[in-house]
């Protein structure tokens, strides 16, 4: 196997691993935060607006992590900047 094929294979496997962790862990964090928010709402229904606002901000932050992982994976798969150095 040439170095370029080996590098492309390794970067593709790394991208697959990143997308698995980049979707699995934020999904777990979202489920946990929603569960805790519902628990908090059950205990203090009068704080609904404050809990809901904080929940949506937190969910947006968690979702942005998954989007960043997706962007990095797409860059690695379709336009890997390190292949130019390997081709020399």
Protein backbone atom coordinates (compact mmCIF):
# COMPACT_ATOMS: atom_id res chain seq x y z
CA UNK A 1 0.00 0.00 0.00
CA UNK A 2 1.30 3.44 -0.82
CA UNK A 3 1.65 6.14 1.78
CA UNK A 4 -1.13 8.19 0.24
CA UNK A 5 -3.64 5.32 0.31
CA UNK A 6 -2.69 4.52 3.89
CA UNK A 7 -3.06 8.17 4.91
CA UNK A 8 -6.44 8.54 3.22
CA UNK A 9 -7.66 5.33 4.86
CA UNK A 10 -6.46 6.46 8.28
CA UNK A 11 -8.00 9.92 7.91
CA UNK A 12 -11.30 8.40 6.78
CA UNK A 13 -11.36 6.07 9.78
CA UNK A 14 -10.51 9.02 12.03
CA UNK A 15 -13.36 11.00 10.48
CA UNK A 16 -15.76 8.10 11.06
CA UNK A 17 -14.68 7.85 14.70
CA UNK A 18 -15.09 11.61 15.11
CA UNK A 19 -18.59 11.66 13.65
CA UNK A 20 -19.62 8.74 15.87
CA UNK A 21 -18.41 10.49 19.01
CA UNK A 22 -19.53 13.88 17.70
CA UNK A 23 -23.12 12.73 17.42
CA UNK A 24 -23.34 10.21 20.25
CA UNK A 25 -21.96 12.35 23.07
CA UNK A 26 -23.97 15.53 22.33
CA UNK A 27 -27.12 13.39 21.98
CA UNK A 28 -26.41 11.86 25.39
CA UNK A 29 -25.79 15.33 26.87
CA UNK A 30 -29.02 16.66 25.36
CA UNK A 31 -31.03 13.79 26.79
CA UNK A 32 -29.47 14.27 30.21
CA UNK A 33 -30.08 18.03 30.20
CA UNK A 34 -33.69 17.64 29.09
CA UNK A 35 -34.22 15.02 31.78
CA UNK A 36 -32.78 17.31 34.44
CA UNK A 37 -34.87 20.25 33.17
CA UNK A 38 -38.06 18.19 33.39
CA UNK A 39 -37.08 17.11 36.89
CA UNK A 40 -36.51 20.73 37.84
CA UNK A 41 -39.84 21.76 36.34
CA UNK A 42 -41.60 19.05 38.33
CA UNK A 43 -40.03 20.34 41.54
CA UNK A 44 -40.44 24.07 40.89
CA UNK A 45 -43.17 24.79 38.34
CA UNK A 46 -43.02 28.52 39.13
CA UNK A 47 -39.49 28.73 37.65
CA UNK A 48 -40.63 27.47 34.25
CA UNK A 49 -39.54 30.48 32.19
CA UNK A 50 -36.08 30.64 33.69
CA UNK A 51 -35.48 26.88 33.39
CA UNK A 52 -36.78 26.77 29.83
CA UNK A 53 -34.63 29.71 28.72
CA UNK A 54 -31.51 28.20 30.27
CA UNK A 55 -32.36 24.80 28.75
CA UNK A 56 -32.66 26.20 25.22
CA UNK A 57 -29.38 28.10 25.51
CA UNK A 58 -27.66 24.95 26.77
CA UNK A 59 -29.16 22.82 24.01
CA UNK A 60 -27.96 25.30 21.39
CA UNK A 61 -24.43 25.12 22.83
CA UNK A 62 -24.49 21.32 22.82
CA UNK A 63 -25.83 21.20 19.27
CA UNK A 64 -23.08 23.53 18.09
CA UNK A 65 -20.50 20.94 19.20
CA UNK A 66 -22.11 18.34 16.93
CA UNK A 67 -22.15 20.82 14.03
CA UNK A 68 -18.45 21.64 14.56
CA UNK A 69 -17.63 17.93 14.44
CA UNK A 70 -19.60 17.57 11.22
CA UNK A 71 -17.76 20.49 9.61
CA UNK A 72 -14.34 19.11 10.57
CA UNK A 73 -15.27 15.64 9.27
CA UNK A 74 -16.47 17.06 5.96
CA UNK A 75 -13.21 18.99 5.57
CA UNK A 76 -11.15 15.88 6.33
CA UNK A 77 -13.12 13.66 3.96
CA UNK A 78 -13.54 15.98 0.96
CA UNK A 79 -10.58 18.35 1.17
CA UNK A 80 -7.87 17.05 3.45
CA UNK A 81 -5.23 19.79 3.63
CA UNK A 82 -2.49 17.36 4.69
CA UNK A 83 -2.58 15.31 1.46
CA UNK A 84 -0.62 18.08 -0.32
CA UNK A 85 2.31 17.52 2.03
CA UNK A 86 2.19 13.77 1.48
CA UNK A 87 2.15 14.08 -2.33
CA UNK A 88 5.56 15.82 -2.44
